[in-house]
N, C-alpha and C. Protein backbone atom coordinates (compact mmCIF):
# COMPACT_ATOMS: atom_id res chain seq x y z
N UNK A 1 4.95 2.58 -16.46
CA UNK A 1 4.68 1.15 -16.64
C UNK A 1 5.77 0.52 -17.50
N UNK A 2 6.01 -0.79 -17.30
CA UNK A 2 7.02 -1.46 -18.13
C UNK A 2 6.65 -1.40 -19.61
N UNK A 3 7.66 -1.56 -20.45
CA UNK A 3 7.43 -1.56 -21.89
C UNK A 3 6.87 -2.92 -22.32
N UNK A 4 6.32 -2.96 -23.53
CA UNK A 4 5.72 -4.20 -24.03
C UNK A 4 6.74 -5.34 -24.05
N UNK A 5 7.99 -5.01 -24.33
CA UNK A 5 9.03 -6.05 -24.39
C UNK A 5 9.16 -6.79 -23.06
N UNK A 6 8.90 -6.10 -21.96
CA UNK A 6 8.96 -6.76 -20.65
C UNK A 6 7.85 -7.82 -20.55
N UNK A 7 6.64 -7.46 -20.96
CA UNK A 7 5.52 -8.39 -20.86
C UNK A 7 5.68 -9.57 -21.81
N UNK A 8 6.49 -9.40 -22.87
CA UNK A 8 6.72 -10.48 -23.82
C UNK A 8 7.81 -11.45 -23.36
N UNK A 9 8.50 -11.11 -22.26
CA UNK A 9 9.54 -12.00 -21.75
C UNK A 9 8.93 -13.29 -21.22
N UNK A 10 9.69 -14.40 -21.29
CA UNK A 10 9.24 -15.63 -20.60
C UNK A 10 9.05 -15.34 -19.11
N UNK A 11 8.13 -16.02 -18.49
CA UNK A 11 7.80 -15.74 -17.10
C UNK A 11 9.02 -15.83 -16.19
N UNK A 12 9.88 -16.81 -16.43
CA UNK A 12 11.06 -16.99 -15.58
C UNK A 12 12.00 -15.79 -15.65
N UNK A 13 12.14 -15.20 -16.84
CA UNK A 13 13.02 -14.04 -17.00
C UNK A 13 12.40 -12.79 -16.35
N UNK A 14 11.07 -12.68 -16.46
CA UNK A 14 10.40 -11.56 -15.80
C UNK A 14 10.60 -11.64 -14.29
N UNK A 15 10.41 -12.83 -13.74
CA UNK A 15 10.56 -13.01 -12.30
C UNK A 15 11.99 -12.74 -11.84
N UNK A 16 12.97 -13.16 -12.63
CA UNK A 16 14.38 -12.92 -12.29
C UNK A 16 14.66 -11.42 -12.24
N UNK A 17 14.17 -10.69 -13.23
CA UNK A 17 14.41 -9.25 -13.30
C UNK A 17 13.71 -8.52 -12.16
N UNK A 18 12.46 -8.88 -11.90
CA UNK A 18 11.71 -8.22 -10.82
C UNK A 18 12.32 -8.54 -9.46
N UNK A 19 12.77 -9.77 -9.28
CA UNK A 19 13.40 -10.13 -8.01
C UNK A 19 14.69 -9.33 -7.81
N UNK A 20 15.45 -9.16 -8.88
CA UNK A 20 16.68 -8.37 -8.79
C UNK A 20 16.38 -6.92 -8.43
N UNK A 21 15.34 -6.36 -9.05
CA UNK A 21 14.96 -4.97 -8.76
C UNK A 21 14.48 -4.85 -7.31
N UNK A 22 13.70 -5.82 -6.86
CA UNK A 22 13.19 -5.79 -5.48
C UNK A 22 14.32 -5.90 -4.48
N UNK A 23 15.32 -6.73 -4.79
CA UNK A 23 16.50 -6.83 -3.92
C UNK A 23 17.19 -5.48 -3.76
N UNK A 24 17.34 -4.78 -4.89
CA UNK A 24 18.02 -3.48 -4.86
C UNK A 24 17.20 -2.45 -4.11
N UNK A 25 15.87 -2.45 -4.32
CA UNK A 25 15.03 -1.47 -3.63
C UNK A 25 14.85 -1.80 -2.15
N UNK A 26 15.15 -3.02 -1.77
CA UNK A 26 15.16 -3.35 -0.35
C UNK A 26 16.49 -2.97 0.29
N UNK A 27 17.54 -2.90 -0.54
CA UNK A 27 18.85 -2.49 -0.04
C UNK A 27 18.91 -0.98 0.15
N UNK A 28 18.28 -0.24 -0.76
CA UNK A 28 18.37 1.23 -0.74
C UNK A 28 17.04 1.82 -1.19
N UNK A 29 16.70 3.02 -0.70
CA UNK A 29 15.48 3.69 -1.18
C UNK A 29 15.61 4.01 -2.66
N UNK A 30 14.50 4.32 -3.28
CA UNK A 30 14.45 4.54 -4.72
C UNK A 30 15.50 5.53 -5.20
N UNK A 31 15.63 6.65 -4.51
CA UNK A 31 16.54 7.70 -5.00
C UNK A 31 18.01 7.30 -4.93
N UNK A 32 18.32 6.29 -4.11
CA UNK A 32 19.71 5.82 -4.00
C UNK A 32 19.96 4.51 -4.74
N UNK A 33 18.91 3.88 -5.21
CA UNK A 33 19.04 2.57 -5.86
C UNK A 33 19.83 2.69 -7.16
N UNK A 34 20.50 1.61 -7.52
CA UNK A 34 21.39 1.60 -8.68
C UNK A 34 20.91 0.62 -9.75
N UNK A 35 20.75 1.12 -10.97
CA UNK A 35 20.41 0.24 -12.09
C UNK A 35 21.53 -0.76 -12.33
N UNK A 36 22.77 -0.33 -12.13
CA UNK A 36 23.92 -1.23 -12.29
C UNK A 36 23.77 -2.44 -11.38
N UNK A 37 23.37 -2.22 -10.15
CA UNK A 37 23.17 -3.34 -9.22
C UNK A 37 22.05 -4.25 -9.68
N UNK A 38 20.98 -3.67 -10.21
CA UNK A 38 19.85 -4.47 -10.67
C UNK A 38 20.26 -5.38 -11.82
N UNK A 39 20.95 -4.82 -12.81
CA UNK A 39 21.32 -5.64 -13.98
C UNK A 39 22.37 -6.69 -13.61
N UNK A 40 23.24 -6.36 -12.67
CA UNK A 40 24.23 -7.34 -12.22
C UNK A 40 23.55 -8.51 -11.50
N UNK A 41 22.57 -8.18 -10.65
CA UNK A 41 21.83 -9.22 -9.95
C UNK A 41 21.01 -10.08 -10.91
N UNK A 42 20.46 -9.43 -11.94
CA UNK A 42 19.63 -10.14 -12.92
C UNK A 42 20.46 -10.88 -13.96
N UNK A 43 21.75 -10.50 -14.08
CA UNK A 43 22.61 -11.14 -15.06
C UNK A 43 22.28 -10.75 -16.49
N UNK A 44 21.93 -9.46 -16.68
CA UNK A 44 21.62 -8.97 -18.03
C UNK A 44 22.45 -7.72 -18.32
N UNK A 45 22.68 -7.39 -19.61
CA UNK A 45 23.39 -6.15 -19.95
C UNK A 45 22.57 -4.94 -19.52
N UNK A 46 23.27 -3.84 -19.22
CA UNK A 46 22.56 -2.62 -18.80
C UNK A 46 21.57 -2.16 -19.87
N UNK A 47 21.97 -2.29 -21.13
CA UNK A 47 21.09 -1.85 -22.21
C UNK A 47 19.77 -2.61 -22.24
N UNK A 48 19.81 -3.86 -21.80
CA UNK A 48 18.58 -4.67 -21.80
C UNK A 48 17.56 -4.11 -20.82
N UNK A 49 18.05 -3.54 -19.70
CA UNK A 49 17.12 -2.97 -18.71
C UNK A 49 16.24 -1.93 -19.36
N UNK A 50 16.82 -1.09 -20.23
CA UNK A 50 16.06 -0.01 -20.86
C UNK A 50 15.16 -0.51 -21.99
N UNK A 51 15.31 -1.77 -22.35
CA UNK A 51 14.36 -2.36 -23.30
C UNK A 51 13.06 -2.72 -22.57
N UNK A 52 13.16 -2.87 -21.24
CA UNK A 52 12.01 -3.30 -20.45
C UNK A 52 11.38 -2.19 -19.63
N UNK A 53 12.21 -1.25 -19.16
CA UNK A 53 11.73 -0.15 -18.32
C UNK A 53 12.32 1.18 -18.80
N UNK A 54 11.57 2.25 -18.58
CA UNK A 54 12.08 3.57 -18.93
C UNK A 54 13.25 3.96 -18.02
N UNK A 55 13.13 3.64 -16.74
CA UNK A 55 14.13 4.00 -15.74
C UNK A 55 13.87 3.18 -14.48
N UNK A 56 14.63 3.45 -13.43
CA UNK A 56 14.45 2.66 -12.20
C UNK A 56 13.11 2.95 -11.52
N UNK A 57 12.61 4.18 -11.67
CA UNK A 57 11.30 4.52 -11.11
C UNK A 57 10.22 3.61 -11.70
N UNK A 58 10.33 3.35 -12.99
CA UNK A 58 9.38 2.51 -13.69
C UNK A 58 9.35 1.11 -13.07
N UNK A 59 10.51 0.56 -12.78
CA UNK A 59 10.61 -0.77 -12.18
C UNK A 59 10.06 -0.76 -10.75
N UNK A 60 10.42 0.28 -9.99
CA UNK A 60 9.97 0.38 -8.60
C UNK A 60 8.45 0.43 -8.51
N UNK A 61 7.83 1.28 -9.32
CA UNK A 61 6.38 1.44 -9.22
C UNK A 61 5.62 0.25 -9.82
N UNK A 62 6.27 -0.51 -10.69
CA UNK A 62 5.65 -1.75 -11.15
C UNK A 62 5.51 -2.71 -9.96
N UNK A 63 6.55 -2.82 -9.16
CA UNK A 63 6.52 -3.70 -7.97
C UNK A 63 5.52 -3.17 -6.95
N UNK A 64 5.58 -1.88 -6.68
CA UNK A 64 4.70 -1.28 -5.67
C UNK A 64 3.23 -1.37 -6.09
N UNK A 65 2.95 -1.13 -7.37
CA UNK A 65 1.57 -1.20 -7.85
C UNK A 65 1.02 -2.62 -7.76
N UNK A 66 1.87 -3.61 -8.01
CA UNK A 66 1.43 -5.01 -7.90
C UNK A 66 1.05 -5.32 -6.46
N UNK A 67 1.85 -4.83 -5.52
CA UNK A 67 1.54 -5.03 -4.09
C UNK A 67 0.25 -4.30 -3.72
N UNK A 68 0.07 -3.10 -4.26
CA UNK A 68 -1.14 -2.31 -3.96
C UNK A 68 -2.40 -3.03 -4.43
N UNK A 69 -2.35 -3.61 -5.62
CA UNK A 69 -3.52 -4.33 -6.16
C UNK A 69 -3.88 -5.52 -5.27
N UNK A 70 -2.85 -6.23 -4.80
CA UNK A 70 -3.10 -7.39 -3.94
C UNK A 70 -3.71 -6.95 -2.60
N UNK A 71 -3.18 -5.85 -2.05
CA UNK A 71 -3.70 -5.36 -0.76
C UNK A 71 -5.11 -4.79 -0.93
N UNK A 72 -5.37 -4.19 -2.06
CA UNK A 72 -6.71 -3.63 -2.29
C UNK A 72 -7.74 -4.75 -2.37
N UNK A 73 -7.40 -5.84 -3.05
CA UNK A 73 -8.31 -6.98 -3.13
C UNK A 73 -8.57 -7.53 -1.73
N UNK A 74 -7.56 -7.52 -0.89
CA UNK A 74 -7.71 -7.99 0.48
C UNK A 74 -8.62 -7.05 1.29
N UNK A 75 -8.48 -5.74 1.03
CA UNK A 75 -9.32 -4.75 1.73
C UNK A 75 -10.79 -4.95 1.37
N UNK A 76 -11.06 -5.20 0.09
CA UNK A 76 -12.44 -5.48 -0.34
C UNK A 76 -12.97 -6.72 0.37
N UNK A 77 -12.14 -7.75 0.46
CA UNK A 77 -12.52 -8.98 1.17
C UNK A 77 -12.85 -8.67 2.63
N UNK A 78 -12.02 -7.83 3.28
CA UNK A 78 -12.24 -7.52 4.69
C UNK A 78 -13.49 -6.69 4.91
N UNK A 79 -13.82 -5.79 3.99
CA UNK A 79 -15.06 -5.02 4.12
C UNK A 79 -16.26 -5.96 4.06
N UNK A 80 -16.18 -6.95 3.20
CA UNK A 80 -17.27 -7.93 3.12
C UNK A 80 -17.32 -8.78 4.39
N UNK A 81 -16.14 -9.18 4.86
CA UNK A 81 -16.06 -10.02 6.06
C UNK A 81 -16.67 -9.32 7.27
N UNK A 82 -16.40 -8.00 7.40
CA UNK A 82 -16.88 -7.25 8.56
C UNK A 82 -18.17 -6.49 8.26
N UNK A 83 -18.87 -6.92 7.21
CA UNK A 83 -20.20 -6.39 6.87
C UNK A 83 -20.19 -4.87 6.76
N UNK A 84 -19.17 -4.34 6.11
CA UNK A 84 -19.11 -2.92 5.82
C UNK A 84 -18.60 -2.04 6.93
N UNK A 85 -18.17 -2.65 8.05
CA UNK A 85 -17.64 -1.84 9.15
C UNK A 85 -16.25 -1.34 8.77
N UNK A 86 -16.16 -0.06 8.45
CA UNK A 86 -14.92 0.53 7.94
C UNK A 86 -13.78 0.42 8.94
N UNK A 87 -14.06 0.67 10.21
CA UNK A 87 -13.00 0.67 11.22
C UNK A 87 -12.48 -0.73 11.49
N UNK A 88 -13.37 -1.71 11.56
CA UNK A 88 -12.93 -3.08 11.77
C UNK A 88 -12.09 -3.57 10.59
N UNK A 89 -12.53 -3.23 9.37
CA UNK A 89 -11.79 -3.65 8.17
C UNK A 89 -10.42 -2.99 8.11
N UNK A 90 -10.35 -1.70 8.43
CA UNK A 90 -9.08 -0.97 8.41
C UNK A 90 -8.12 -1.51 9.47
N UNK A 91 -8.65 -1.80 10.65
CA UNK A 91 -7.81 -2.31 11.73
C UNK A 91 -7.23 -3.67 11.38
N UNK A 92 -8.07 -4.53 10.81
CA UNK A 92 -7.59 -5.85 10.39
C UNK A 92 -6.56 -5.72 9.26
N UNK A 93 -6.79 -4.76 8.37
CA UNK A 93 -5.85 -4.52 7.27
C UNK A 93 -4.49 -4.09 7.81
N UNK A 94 -4.50 -3.22 8.80
CA UNK A 94 -3.25 -2.75 9.42
C UNK A 94 -2.52 -3.93 10.05
N UNK A 95 -3.26 -4.76 10.78
CA UNK A 95 -2.64 -5.90 11.46
C UNK A 95 -2.04 -6.88 10.45
N UNK A 96 -2.77 -7.18 9.39
CA UNK A 96 -2.30 -8.12 8.38
C UNK A 96 -1.08 -7.58 7.63
N UNK A 97 -1.07 -6.26 7.39
CA UNK A 97 0.06 -5.65 6.68
C UNK A 97 1.32 -5.68 7.54
N UNK A 98 1.15 -5.54 8.85
CA UNK A 98 2.29 -5.67 9.77
C UNK A 98 2.89 -7.07 9.67
N UNK A 99 2.03 -8.06 9.53
CA UNK A 99 2.48 -9.45 9.49
C UNK A 99 2.90 -9.90 8.10
N UNK A 100 2.54 -9.11 7.10
CA UNK A 100 2.71 -9.51 5.70
C UNK A 100 4.15 -9.80 5.28
N UNK A 101 5.12 -8.92 5.58
CA UNK A 101 6.48 -9.20 5.10
C UNK A 101 6.99 -10.52 5.66
N UNK A 102 7.25 -11.47 4.76
CA UNK A 102 7.68 -12.80 5.20
C UNK A 102 9.19 -12.96 5.12
N UNK A 103 9.87 -12.04 4.48
CA UNK A 103 11.33 -12.10 4.37
C UNK A 103 11.92 -10.75 4.75
N UNK A 104 13.20 -10.75 5.04
CA UNK A 104 13.91 -9.50 5.33
C UNK A 104 13.84 -8.56 4.13
N UNK A 105 13.87 -9.13 2.95
CA UNK A 105 13.79 -8.33 1.72
C UNK A 105 12.46 -7.60 1.62
N UNK A 106 11.35 -8.32 1.87
CA UNK A 106 10.03 -7.69 1.82
C UNK A 106 9.91 -6.58 2.86
N UNK A 107 10.42 -6.86 4.06
CA UNK A 107 10.35 -5.88 5.14
C UNK A 107 11.13 -4.62 4.78
N UNK A 108 12.32 -4.79 4.25
CA UNK A 108 13.16 -3.62 3.91
C UNK A 108 12.61 -2.85 2.72
N UNK A 109 11.97 -3.54 1.79
CA UNK A 109 11.34 -2.85 0.67
C UNK A 109 10.26 -1.91 1.19
N UNK A 110 9.40 -2.43 2.09
CA UNK A 110 8.34 -1.59 2.66
C UNK A 110 8.93 -0.46 3.49
N UNK A 111 9.94 -0.78 4.28
CA UNK A 111 10.57 0.23 5.15
C UNK A 111 11.16 1.37 4.31
N UNK A 112 11.88 1.04 3.26
CA UNK A 112 12.48 2.07 2.42
C UNK A 112 11.43 2.93 1.73
N UNK A 113 10.33 2.30 1.33
CA UNK A 113 9.25 3.06 0.69
C UNK A 113 8.58 4.00 1.69
N UNK A 114 8.31 3.51 2.89
CA UNK A 114 7.62 4.30 3.91
C UNK A 114 8.47 5.46 4.43
N UNK A 115 9.75 5.20 4.64
CA UNK A 115 10.62 6.23 5.23
C UNK A 115 11.12 7.24 4.20
N UNK A 116 10.85 6.99 2.93
CA UNK A 116 11.28 7.92 1.87
C UNK A 116 10.07 8.25 0.99
N UNK A 117 8.98 8.58 1.67
CA UNK A 117 7.70 8.83 1.00
C UNK A 117 7.77 10.06 0.11
N UNK A 118 7.27 9.91 -1.11
CA UNK A 118 7.08 11.03 -2.03
C UNK A 118 5.59 11.07 -2.37
N UNK A 119 5.17 12.11 -3.06
CA UNK A 119 3.75 12.20 -3.43
C UNK A 119 3.34 11.00 -4.27
N UNK A 120 4.24 10.56 -5.16
CA UNK A 120 3.90 9.45 -6.05
C UNK A 120 3.80 8.14 -5.28
N UNK A 121 4.70 7.92 -4.32
CA UNK A 121 4.63 6.72 -3.49
C UNK A 121 3.37 6.76 -2.63
N UNK A 122 3.08 7.93 -2.07
CA UNK A 122 1.87 8.10 -1.25
C UNK A 122 0.63 7.78 -2.07
N UNK A 123 0.58 8.25 -3.32
CA UNK A 123 -0.57 7.98 -4.19
C UNK A 123 -0.73 6.49 -4.44
N UNK A 124 0.40 5.79 -4.62
CA UNK A 124 0.35 4.35 -4.88
C UNK A 124 -0.23 3.61 -3.68
N UNK A 125 0.20 3.96 -2.48
CA UNK A 125 -0.33 3.32 -1.28
C UNK A 125 -1.80 3.67 -1.06
N UNK A 126 -2.17 4.92 -1.32
CA UNK A 126 -3.54 5.38 -1.09
C UNK A 126 -4.55 4.63 -1.96
N UNK A 127 -4.10 4.17 -3.13
CA UNK A 127 -5.01 3.47 -4.03
C UNK A 127 -5.51 2.15 -3.43
N UNK A 128 -4.87 1.68 -2.35
CA UNK A 128 -5.38 0.49 -1.67
C UNK A 128 -6.80 0.75 -1.19
N UNK A 129 -7.06 1.93 -0.67
CA UNK A 129 -8.33 2.24 -0.01
C UNK A 129 -9.24 3.13 -0.83
N UNK A 130 -8.64 3.95 -1.70
CA UNK A 130 -9.46 4.94 -2.39
C UNK A 130 -8.81 5.30 -3.72
N UNK A 131 -9.16 4.55 -4.75
CA UNK A 131 -8.54 4.77 -6.06
C UNK A 131 -9.23 5.92 -6.78
N UNK A 132 -8.64 7.11 -6.66
CA UNK A 132 -9.24 8.30 -7.29
C UNK A 132 -9.10 8.26 -8.80
N UNK A 133 -8.25 7.35 -9.33
CA UNK A 133 -8.08 7.24 -10.78
C UNK A 133 -9.16 6.35 -11.40
N UNK A 134 -9.92 5.66 -10.58
CA UNK A 134 -10.92 4.72 -11.09
C UNK A 134 -12.27 4.96 -10.41
N UNK A 135 -13.20 5.53 -11.16
CA UNK A 135 -14.53 5.79 -10.61
C UNK A 135 -15.21 4.48 -10.22
N UNK A 136 -15.01 3.43 -11.02
CA UNK A 136 -15.62 2.13 -10.74
C UNK A 136 -15.13 1.55 -9.43
N UNK A 137 -13.82 1.58 -9.22
CA UNK A 137 -13.26 1.01 -8.00
C UNK A 137 -13.65 1.83 -6.77
N UNK A 138 -13.67 3.13 -6.94
CA UNK A 138 -14.09 3.99 -5.83
C UNK A 138 -15.55 3.73 -5.46
N UNK A 139 -16.38 3.51 -6.47
CA UNK A 139 -17.79 3.21 -6.25
C UNK A 139 -17.95 1.86 -5.54
N UNK A 140 -17.10 0.89 -5.94
CA UNK A 140 -17.17 -0.44 -5.32
C UNK A 140 -16.90 -0.36 -3.82
N UNK A 141 -15.86 0.39 -3.45
CA UNK A 141 -15.52 0.55 -2.04
C UNK A 141 -16.66 1.24 -1.30
N UNK A 142 -17.19 2.30 -1.89
CA UNK A 142 -18.26 3.07 -1.26
C UNK A 142 -19.49 2.20 -1.00
N UNK A 143 -19.83 1.35 -1.95
CA UNK A 143 -21.02 0.51 -1.81
C UNK A 143 -20.86 -0.54 -0.72
N UNK A 144 -19.61 -0.95 -0.47
CA UNK A 144 -19.36 -1.98 0.53
C UNK A 144 -19.38 -1.42 1.96
N UNK A 145 -19.12 -0.12 2.12
CA UNK A 145 -19.04 0.48 3.45
C UNK A 145 -20.44 0.72 4.01
N UNK A 146 -20.64 0.31 5.24
CA UNK A 146 -21.90 0.54 5.94
C UNK A 146 -21.93 1.98 6.44
N UNK A 147 -22.59 2.85 5.70
CA UNK A 147 -22.59 4.28 6.03
C UNK A 147 -23.56 4.63 7.16
N UNK A 148 -24.43 3.69 7.48
CA UNK A 148 -25.39 3.95 8.56
C UNK A 148 -24.67 4.12 9.90
N UNK A 149 -23.48 3.52 10.02
CA UNK A 149 -22.71 3.64 11.26
C UNK A 149 -21.97 4.98 11.37
N UNK A 150 -21.82 5.65 10.23
CA UNK A 150 -20.96 6.82 10.19
C UNK A 150 -21.74 8.12 10.33
N UNK A 151 -21.11 9.07 10.98
CA UNK A 151 -21.73 10.37 11.22
C UNK A 151 -21.48 11.29 10.03
N UNK A 152 -22.06 10.91 8.88
CA UNK A 152 -21.89 11.71 7.67
C UNK A 152 -23.26 12.00 7.07
N UNK A 153 -23.33 13.08 6.30
CA UNK A 153 -24.60 13.49 5.71
C UNK A 153 -24.65 13.21 4.21
N UNK A 154 -23.49 13.15 3.56
CA UNK A 154 -23.49 12.95 2.11
C UNK A 154 -22.28 12.12 1.69
N UNK A 155 -22.35 11.60 0.49
CA UNK A 155 -21.33 10.69 -0.05
C UNK A 155 -19.94 11.33 -0.06
N UNK A 156 -19.87 12.61 -0.40
CA UNK A 156 -18.57 13.28 -0.50
C UNK A 156 -17.81 13.25 0.82
N UNK A 157 -18.54 13.28 1.94
CA UNK A 157 -17.89 13.26 3.24
C UNK A 157 -17.16 11.93 3.49
N UNK A 158 -17.65 10.86 2.88
CA UNK A 158 -16.99 9.56 3.02
C UNK A 158 -15.57 9.63 2.46
N UNK A 159 -15.40 10.35 1.35
CA UNK A 159 -14.08 10.50 0.73
C UNK A 159 -13.11 11.15 1.71
N UNK A 160 -13.56 12.15 2.46
CA UNK A 160 -12.68 12.82 3.41
C UNK A 160 -12.38 11.93 4.62
N UNK A 161 -13.36 11.14 5.03
CA UNK A 161 -13.12 10.20 6.13
C UNK A 161 -12.05 9.19 5.72
N UNK A 162 -12.14 8.69 4.49
CA UNK A 162 -11.14 7.74 3.99
C UNK A 162 -9.76 8.37 3.97
N UNK A 163 -9.66 9.63 3.59
CA UNK A 163 -8.38 10.33 3.58
C UNK A 163 -7.80 10.44 4.99
N UNK A 164 -8.64 10.77 5.95
CA UNK A 164 -8.19 10.92 7.34
C UNK A 164 -7.68 9.59 7.88
N UNK A 165 -8.47 8.53 7.69
CA UNK A 165 -8.08 7.22 8.20
C UNK A 165 -6.81 6.71 7.53
N UNK A 166 -6.72 6.93 6.21
CA UNK A 166 -5.53 6.51 5.48
C UNK A 166 -4.29 7.23 5.99
N UNK A 167 -4.42 8.51 6.31
CA UNK A 167 -3.29 9.27 6.86
C UNK A 167 -2.83 8.68 8.18
N UNK A 168 -3.79 8.27 9.02
CA UNK A 168 -3.45 7.66 10.32
C UNK A 168 -2.70 6.34 10.09
N UNK A 169 -3.15 5.55 9.14
CA UNK A 169 -2.51 4.27 8.85
C UNK A 169 -1.05 4.46 8.46
N UNK A 170 -0.81 5.35 7.50
CA UNK A 170 0.55 5.48 7.00
C UNK A 170 1.46 6.22 7.98
N UNK A 171 0.88 7.12 8.76
CA UNK A 171 1.71 7.77 9.78
C UNK A 171 2.18 6.74 10.80
N UNK A 172 1.31 5.79 11.13
CA UNK A 172 1.69 4.76 12.09
C UNK A 172 2.72 3.79 11.52
N UNK A 173 2.64 3.52 10.23
CA UNK A 173 3.68 2.67 9.62
C UNK A 173 5.03 3.40 9.62
N UNK A 174 5.02 4.68 9.28
CA UNK A 174 6.26 5.46 9.29
C UNK A 174 6.86 5.48 10.69
N UNK A 175 6.00 5.68 11.69
CA UNK A 175 6.47 5.72 13.07
C UNK A 175 7.06 4.37 13.48
N UNK A 176 6.44 3.28 13.04
CA UNK A 176 6.96 1.95 13.37
C UNK A 176 8.38 1.78 12.86
N UNK A 177 8.59 2.16 11.59
CA UNK A 177 9.91 1.98 11.00
C UNK A 177 10.92 3.00 11.51
N UNK A 178 10.48 4.23 11.70
CA UNK A 178 11.40 5.28 12.16
C UNK A 178 11.88 5.03 13.59
N UNK A 179 10.99 4.47 14.42
CA UNK A 179 11.32 4.26 15.84
C UNK A 179 11.61 2.79 16.16
N UNK A 180 11.61 1.95 15.11
CA UNK A 180 11.86 0.51 15.30
C UNK A 180 10.92 -0.11 16.33
N UNK A 181 9.64 0.24 16.22
CA UNK A 181 8.65 -0.30 17.15
C UNK A 181 8.37 -1.77 16.82
N UNK A 182 8.02 -2.52 17.83
CA UNK A 182 7.58 -3.90 17.60
C UNK A 182 6.20 -3.85 16.94
N UNK A 183 5.81 -4.97 16.33
CA UNK A 183 4.48 -5.03 15.73
C UNK A 183 3.40 -4.79 16.79
N UNK A 184 3.62 -5.31 17.98
CA UNK A 184 2.65 -5.16 19.07
C UNK A 184 2.49 -3.69 19.46
N UNK A 185 3.61 -2.97 19.59
CA UNK A 185 3.55 -1.56 19.97
C UNK A 185 2.91 -0.73 18.87
N UNK A 186 3.26 -1.03 17.62
CA UNK A 186 2.68 -0.31 16.49
C UNK A 186 1.17 -0.52 16.45
N UNK A 187 0.74 -1.75 16.72
CA UNK A 187 -0.69 -2.07 16.70
C UNK A 187 -1.40 -1.34 17.84
N UNK A 188 -0.79 -1.30 18.99
CA UNK A 188 -1.39 -0.61 20.14
C UNK A 188 -1.55 0.88 19.86
N UNK A 189 -0.52 1.51 19.32
CA UNK A 189 -0.59 2.94 19.00
C UNK A 189 -1.67 3.22 17.96
N UNK A 190 -1.72 2.35 16.96
CA UNK A 190 -2.71 2.52 15.89
C UNK A 190 -4.13 2.42 16.45
N UNK A 191 -4.37 1.42 17.28
CA UNK A 191 -5.71 1.22 17.82
C UNK A 191 -6.16 2.38 18.70
N UNK A 192 -5.22 2.99 19.44
CA UNK A 192 -5.56 4.16 20.26
C UNK A 192 -6.07 5.29 19.37
N UNK A 193 -5.37 5.55 18.29
CA UNK A 193 -5.76 6.65 17.39
C UNK A 193 -7.07 6.34 16.68
N UNK A 194 -7.22 5.07 16.26
CA UNK A 194 -8.44 4.70 15.56
C UNK A 194 -9.66 4.75 16.49
N UNK A 195 -9.47 4.40 17.75
CA UNK A 195 -10.58 4.50 18.70
C UNK A 195 -11.02 5.94 18.90
N UNK A 196 -10.06 6.86 18.94
CA UNK A 196 -10.40 8.28 19.05
C UNK A 196 -11.19 8.75 17.84
N UNK A 197 -10.73 8.32 16.65
CA UNK A 197 -11.44 8.69 15.42
C UNK A 197 -12.84 8.08 15.41
N UNK A 198 -12.92 6.82 15.80
CA UNK A 198 -14.21 6.13 15.79
C UNK A 198 -15.21 6.81 16.70
N UNK A 199 -14.76 7.26 17.86
CA UNK A 199 -15.65 7.95 18.79
C UNK A 199 -16.19 9.24 18.20
N UNK A 200 -15.38 9.88 17.34
CA UNK A 200 -15.81 11.13 16.73
C UNK A 200 -16.63 10.95 15.48
N UNK A 201 -16.39 9.83 14.75
CA UNK A 201 -17.03 9.65 13.45
C UNK A 201 -18.23 8.72 13.46
N UNK A 202 -18.34 7.90 14.50
CA UNK A 202 -19.49 6.99 14.57
C UNK A 202 -20.68 7.71 15.21
N UNK A 203 -21.86 7.38 14.72
CA UNK A 203 -23.06 7.94 15.31
C UNK A 203 -23.30 7.32 16.69
N UNK A 204 -23.88 8.08 17.60
CA UNK A 204 -24.31 7.46 18.85
C UNK A 204 -25.30 6.35 18.54
N UNK A 205 -25.38 5.33 19.37
CA UNK A 205 -26.21 4.15 19.12
C UNK A 205 -27.66 4.54 18.83
N UNK A 206 -28.17 5.53 19.57
CA UNK A 206 -29.59 5.87 19.42
C UNK A 206 -29.89 6.55 18.06
N UNK A 207 -28.83 7.03 17.37
CA UNK A 207 -29.06 7.69 16.08
C UNK A 207 -28.96 6.74 14.91
N UNK A 208 -28.46 5.51 15.11
CA UNK A 208 -28.28 4.58 13.99
C UNK A 208 -29.62 4.06 13.49
């Protein structure tokens, strides 16, 4: 996380620094990104960067975590909108995330993160749907999901279902960027896989 000195900066300076970091992470994946480029874009001395962040990873995950929080709030909204239907909410979330990048910079930031996935990046994305670090948030998601539709016997099984569906989501995003698929093709591929999962995980109508 950023140091306290970062949070004490005027809002305009914080935004300038974060925008510079985001520009660099959209140009190159985290492991290739340059602090020199970030400070040059932000117009600050290199030493100042270390007053605000421990290293470039710190800056990257600050940006990624902010995006994750926004997407998680949207996921909660979608679960409510679709009355707890997990598959409908996940499908809408996938579609909206495809449409989300409004600039080339946003698109390249996501692309670099997806195509250079590490355990830590994967954990950050996973917190959108299942925050294992927060019992409260995990409970909130669980309470919103309509479990009567799902072919599960106990609460713990829901956690594994979420892991499976999340894996499908991120694999499809990686495939989109790796193969340069259109949003339409990525959506079609995703829906095929989700329909197969839904057929296996949903109870037959007579059992609901």
